[in-house]
Amino acid sequence: MNIGNIYKFSPECCIDKKLSITFINPYNFKLSALDKDYLNVLKQFDCVYIDGILLQKMANYLYKKNYKRYSFDGNSLAPKFFSEAKERSLSVSFVGSRNGVASRAADIINNKYNNIVKNSFSGYFKSEEEKNEVIRSLNLSEMIVIGMGAPDQDEFAIKVKNKYPDKLVITCGGYFDQIVDGQNEAYYPKLINDFNLRFAYRVYKEPKRILSRYLFDYLFFYKWALNELFNKRMQ
């Protein structure tokens, strides 16, 4: 898991420095291991945080670190970043998910944070020209939140950051859908989040999709983790 910029900056520094931020979980961990082009995309981010309690614990055990788990959602970094945007009068744009989802998520966030989200766009582009038009429309925003899932959101985020190096660019996975689904900034109930039972809650909420991800998409990570643990025991 040698990405280079894992935890290079604290989340607080990211706001001040207008950095590019993404997150790695067992799914895009697999993608980064199997696809060198995608790994190179991740290496272009100013900061990569671990999102996933198992991945966090494995990284801390193997590399003798004290990494914390972060994600851009209502139970982790999003409230802090949105609060800072409100306090500093920063304009925010949402890009991602199906048509209409980002705009509905923006309405919910704006009700709490005094209309900080000025623009919202679907993450499904019909053409390269439409994608470029959305990027051009982001020129007035100071914080850009992108939720398309890996690897698309990371590739798009780097493209945006390269065009606008003075902007804060953050990926958020399926956060827009979570906001709309729960009609609330925070997707996970407090006790679920406090006891690290987010995986169980997601299985309860989206059994078909999430079970498939945990059983099949994460299989590469499980195998890697077992192999690393075995090698460490043999040393």
Protein backbone atom coordinates (compact mmCIF):
# COMPACT_ATOMS: atom_id res chain seq x y z
CA MET A 1 0.00 0.00 0.00
CA ASN A 2 2.71 2.41 -1.03
CA ILE A 3 0.85 5.39 -2.42
CA GLY A 4 3.20 8.04 -1.09
CA ASN A 5 0.82 10.76 0.03
CA ILE A 6 -1.15 8.83 2.66
CA TYR A 7 -1.73 11.27 5.52
CA LYS A 8 0.83 13.73 4.21
CA PHE A 9 -1.33 16.54 5.61
CA SER A 10 -3.96 16.67 8.33
CA PRO A 11 -7.57 17.30 7.23
CA GLU A 12 -7.37 20.76 8.81
CA CYS A 13 -4.36 21.67 6.67
CA CYS A 14 -6.16 20.54 3.53
CA ILE A 15 -8.71 23.34 3.85
CA ASP A 16 -6.10 26.06 4.27
CA LYS A 17 -3.79 24.75 1.57
CA LYS A 18 -6.59 24.11 -0.98
CA LEU A 19 -5.40 20.55 -1.60
CA SER A 20 -6.72 17.56 -3.52
CA ILE A 21 -8.03 14.76 -1.29
CA THR A 22 -9.22 11.24 -1.92
CA PHE A 23 -9.78 8.08 0.09
CA ILE A 24 -8.74 4.45 -0.29
CA ASN A 25 -10.90 1.50 0.77
CA PRO A 26 -10.52 -2.23 0.08
CA TYR A 27 -12.15 -1.81 -3.34
CA ASN A 28 -9.89 0.85 -4.81
CA PHE A 29 -6.97 -0.71 -2.94
CA LYS A 30 -7.50 -3.64 -5.30
CA LEU A 31 -7.77 -1.30 -8.29
CA SER A 32 -4.52 0.43 -7.36
CA ALA A 33 -2.73 -2.91 -7.02
CA LEU A 34 -3.92 -4.22 -10.39
CA ASP A 35 -3.91 -1.04 -12.48
CA LYS A 36 -0.70 1.02 -12.60
CA ASP A 37 -2.46 3.88 -14.37
CA TYR A 38 -4.93 4.17 -11.51
CA LEU A 39 -2.13 3.97 -8.94
CA ASN A 40 -0.43 6.87 -10.74
CA VAL A 41 -3.68 8.84 -10.50
CA LEU A 42 -3.81 8.29 -6.73
CA LYS A 43 -0.19 9.41 -6.42
CA GLN A 44 -1.14 12.78 -7.90
CA PHE A 45 -3.40 13.63 -4.96
CA ASP A 46 -1.98 15.86 -2.26
CA CYS A 47 -3.45 13.58 0.39
CA VAL A 48 -4.94 10.08 0.51
CA TYR A 49 -6.83 8.94 3.61
CA ILE A 50 -7.82 5.41 4.61
CA ASP A 51 -11.57 4.79 4.55
CA GLY A 52 -12.38 1.37 5.97
CA ILE A 53 -11.82 0.05 9.47
CA LEU A 54 -10.20 -3.22 8.35
CA LEU A 55 -7.80 -1.46 6.01
CA GLN A 56 -6.97 1.05 8.74
CA LYS A 57 -6.20 -1.68 11.29
CA MET A 58 -4.11 -3.64 8.79
CA ALA A 59 -2.07 -0.57 7.84
CA ASN A 60 -1.45 0.32 11.48
CA TYR A 61 -0.42 -3.24 12.34
CA LEU A 62 1.83 -3.83 9.35
CA TYR A 63 3.50 -0.42 9.18
CA LYS A 64 3.50 0.47 12.90
CA LYS A 65 1.55 3.66 12.24
CA ASN A 66 -1.38 5.31 13.93
CA TYR A 67 -3.53 6.10 10.92
CA LYS A 68 -7.06 7.26 11.60
CA ARG A 69 -10.05 6.38 9.45
CA TYR A 70 -11.55 9.25 7.50
CA SER A 71 -14.22 9.56 4.86
CA PHE A 72 -16.03 12.48 3.32
CA ASP A 73 -19.50 11.98 4.75
CA GLY A 74 -21.70 13.35 7.49
CA ASN A 75 -20.14 11.13 10.16
CA SER A 76 -16.56 12.12 9.41
CA LEU A 77 -15.04 15.07 7.52
CA ALA A 78 -17.99 16.61 5.65
CA PRO A 79 -19.47 18.64 8.57
CA LYS A 80 -16.08 20.22 9.32
CA PHE A 81 -15.44 21.13 5.71
CA PHE A 82 -18.96 22.48 5.17
CA SER A 83 -18.77 24.48 8.40
CA GLU A 84 -15.48 26.00 7.27
CA ALA A 85 -17.02 26.81 3.89
CA LYS A 86 -19.90 28.59 5.62
CA GLU A 87 -17.61 30.48 8.01
CA ARG A 88 -15.21 31.57 5.26
CA SER A 89 -17.94 32.20 2.66
CA LEU A 90 -16.47 29.64 0.28
CA SER A 91 -18.59 28.55 -2.66
CA VAL A 92 -19.04 24.79 -3.11
CA SER A 93 -19.93 22.67 -6.13
CA PHE A 94 -21.19 19.07 -6.16
CA VAL A 95 -20.45 16.76 -9.10
CA GLY A 96 -21.65 13.17 -9.12
CA SER A 97 -24.30 10.48 -9.02
CA ARG A 98 -27.35 10.21 -11.26
CA ASN A 99 -29.24 13.13 -12.73
CA GLY A 100 -30.89 15.18 -9.99
CA VAL A 101 -29.25 13.48 -7.00
CA ALA A 102 -26.46 16.02 -6.50
CA SER A 103 -28.94 18.90 -6.70
CA ARG A 104 -31.21 17.31 -4.08
CA ALA A 105 -28.19 16.66 -1.86
CA ALA A 106 -27.18 20.31 -2.35
CA ASP A 107 -30.64 21.45 -1.17
CA ILE A 108 -30.29 19.45 2.05
CA ILE A 109 -26.78 20.76 2.74
CA ASN A 110 -27.79 24.33 1.88
CA ASN A 111 -30.62 24.22 4.40
CA LYS A 112 -28.05 23.63 7.15
CA TYR A 113 -25.09 25.62 5.89
CA ASN A 114 -26.62 28.80 4.51
CA ASN A 115 -26.58 28.03 0.78
CA ILE A 116 -22.89 27.23 0.40
CA VAL A 117 -23.48 24.89 -2.58
CA LYS A 118 -23.82 27.10 -5.65
CA ASN A 119 -23.71 24.47 -8.42
CA SER A 120 -24.50 20.78 -8.77
CA PHE A 121 -23.98 18.45 -11.71
CA SER A 122 -24.65 14.83 -12.55
CA GLY A 123 -21.62 12.55 -12.71
CA TYR A 124 -22.88 10.79 -15.83
CA PHE A 125 -21.50 12.66 -18.83
CA LYS A 126 -22.92 11.98 -22.27
CA SER A 127 -19.76 13.10 -24.01
CA GLU A 128 -16.26 14.41 -23.40
CA GLU A 129 -17.51 17.85 -24.37
CA GLU A 130 -20.17 17.74 -21.66
CA LYS A 131 -17.51 16.73 -19.12
CA ASN A 132 -15.32 19.63 -20.20
CA GLU A 133 -18.28 22.00 -20.00
CA VAL A 134 -18.90 20.94 -16.38
CA ILE A 135 -15.22 21.50 -15.58
CA ARG A 136 -15.42 24.98 -17.09
CA SER A 137 -18.49 25.66 -14.94
CA LEU A 138 -16.48 24.93 -11.79
CA ASN A 139 -14.19 27.93 -12.24
CA LEU A 140 -16.03 30.09 -9.68
CA SER A 141 -16.19 27.40 -6.99
CA GLU A 142 -13.58 27.22 -4.24
CA MET A 143 -14.47 23.77 -2.89
CA ILE A 144 -15.42 20.98 -5.32
CA VAL A 145 -16.88 17.71 -4.01
CA ILE A 146 -16.92 14.81 -6.48
CA GLY A 147 -18.88 11.60 -5.98
CA MET A 148 -18.66 9.11 -8.84
CA GLY A 149 -17.02 6.07 -7.32
CA ALA A 150 -13.53 4.82 -8.10
CA PRO A 151 -11.75 5.10 -10.44
CA ASP A 152 -13.90 7.70 -12.26
CA GLN A 153 -14.08 10.22 -9.43
CA ASP A 154 -10.32 10.17 -8.88
CA GLU A 155 -9.51 10.65 -12.55
CA PHE A 156 -12.04 13.47 -12.80
CA ALA A 157 -10.77 15.10 -9.58
CA ILE A 158 -7.19 15.19 -10.86
CA LYS A 159 -8.37 16.65 -14.15
CA VAL A 160 -10.19 19.39 -12.22
CA LYS A 161 -7.22 20.01 -9.92
CA ASN A 162 -4.82 20.29 -12.84
CA LYS A 163 -7.05 22.95 -14.40
CA TYR A 164 -7.72 24.76 -11.11
CA PRO A 165 -4.72 24.24 -8.79
CA ASP A 166 -5.99 26.88 -6.36
CA LYS A 167 -9.18 24.97 -5.51
CA LEU A 168 -9.95 22.43 -2.77
CA VAL A 169 -10.97 19.20 -4.54
CA ILE A 170 -12.42 16.25 -2.59
CA THR A 171 -13.87 12.88 -3.59
CA CYS A 172 -16.85 11.51 -1.68
CA GLY A 173 -17.94 8.20 -3.24
CA GLY A 174 -21.68 7.64 -2.77
CA TYR A 175 -22.20 10.44 -0.24
CA PHE A 176 -24.71 12.36 -2.36
CA ASP A 177 -26.94 9.28 -2.57
CA GLN A 178 -26.62 8.80 1.18
CA ILE A 179 -27.69 12.38 1.86
CA VAL A 180 -30.75 12.02 -0.35
CA ASP A 181 -31.60 8.55 0.96
CA GLY A 182 -31.50 9.66 4.58
CA GLN A 183 -32.65 13.24 3.98
CA ASN A 184 -29.89 14.20 6.34
CA GLU A 185 -26.21 15.17 6.33
CA ALA A 186 -25.23 12.12 8.42
CA TYR A 187 -26.03 8.72 6.94
CA TYR A 188 -25.09 6.51 9.91
CA PRO A 189 -26.86 6.67 13.30
CA LYS A 190 -24.47 7.81 16.04
CA LEU A 191 -24.20 4.45 17.82
CA ILE A 192 -23.58 2.64 14.54
CA ASN A 193 -20.76 5.05 13.76
CA ASP A 194 -19.30 5.05 17.28
CA PHE A 195 -19.05 1.24 17.37
CA ASN A 196 -17.67 0.95 13.80
CA LEU A 197 -20.73 -0.96 12.57
CA ARG A 198 -21.08 1.03 9.37
CA PHE A 199 -20.58 -2.08 7.23
CA ALA A 200 -23.50 -3.85 8.95
CA TYR A 201 -25.74 -0.80 8.57
CA ARG A 202 -24.95 -0.57 4.85
CA VAL A 203 -25.76 -4.26 4.40
CA TYR A 204 -29.08 -3.61 6.15
CA LYS A 205 -29.83 -0.59 3.95
CA GLU A 206 -28.55 -1.95 0.61
CA PRO A 207 -28.22 -5.74 0.99
CA LYS A 208 -27.89 -6.74 -2.65
CA ARG A 209 -25.28 -4.20 -3.70
CA ILE A 210 -23.27 -4.07 -0.48
CA LEU A 211 -23.12 -7.83 0.11
CA SER A 212 -21.77 -8.27 -3.40
CA ARG A 213 -19.11 -5.65 -2.71
CA TYR A 214 -18.05 -7.12 0.64
CA LEU A 215 -18.04 -10.73 -0.57
CA PHE A 216 -16.57 -10.31 -4.06
CA ASP A 217 -15.09 -6.85 -4.65
CA TYR A 218 -13.16 -6.99 -1.37
CA LEU A 219 -11.88 -10.54 -1.93
CA PHE A 220 -8.54 -9.29 -3.26
CA PHE A 221 -8.03 -7.27 -0.08
CA TYR A 222 -8.89 -10.23 2.16
CA LYS A 223 -6.34 -12.40 0.36
CA TRP A 224 -3.70 -9.69 0.54
CA ALA A 225 -4.34 -9.15 4.26
CA LEU A 226 -4.07 -12.87 5.07
CA ASN A 227 -0.87 -13.15 3.04
CA GLU A 228 0.68 -10.14 4.77
CA LEU A 229 -0.29 -11.47 8.21
CA PHE A 230 1.19 -14.88 7.39
CA ASN A 231 4.43 -13.34 6.14
CA LYS A 232 4.72 -11.21 9.23
CA ARG A 233 4.22 -14.24 11.47
CA MET A 234 6.97 -16.08 9.59
CA GLN A 235 9.53 -13.30 10.05
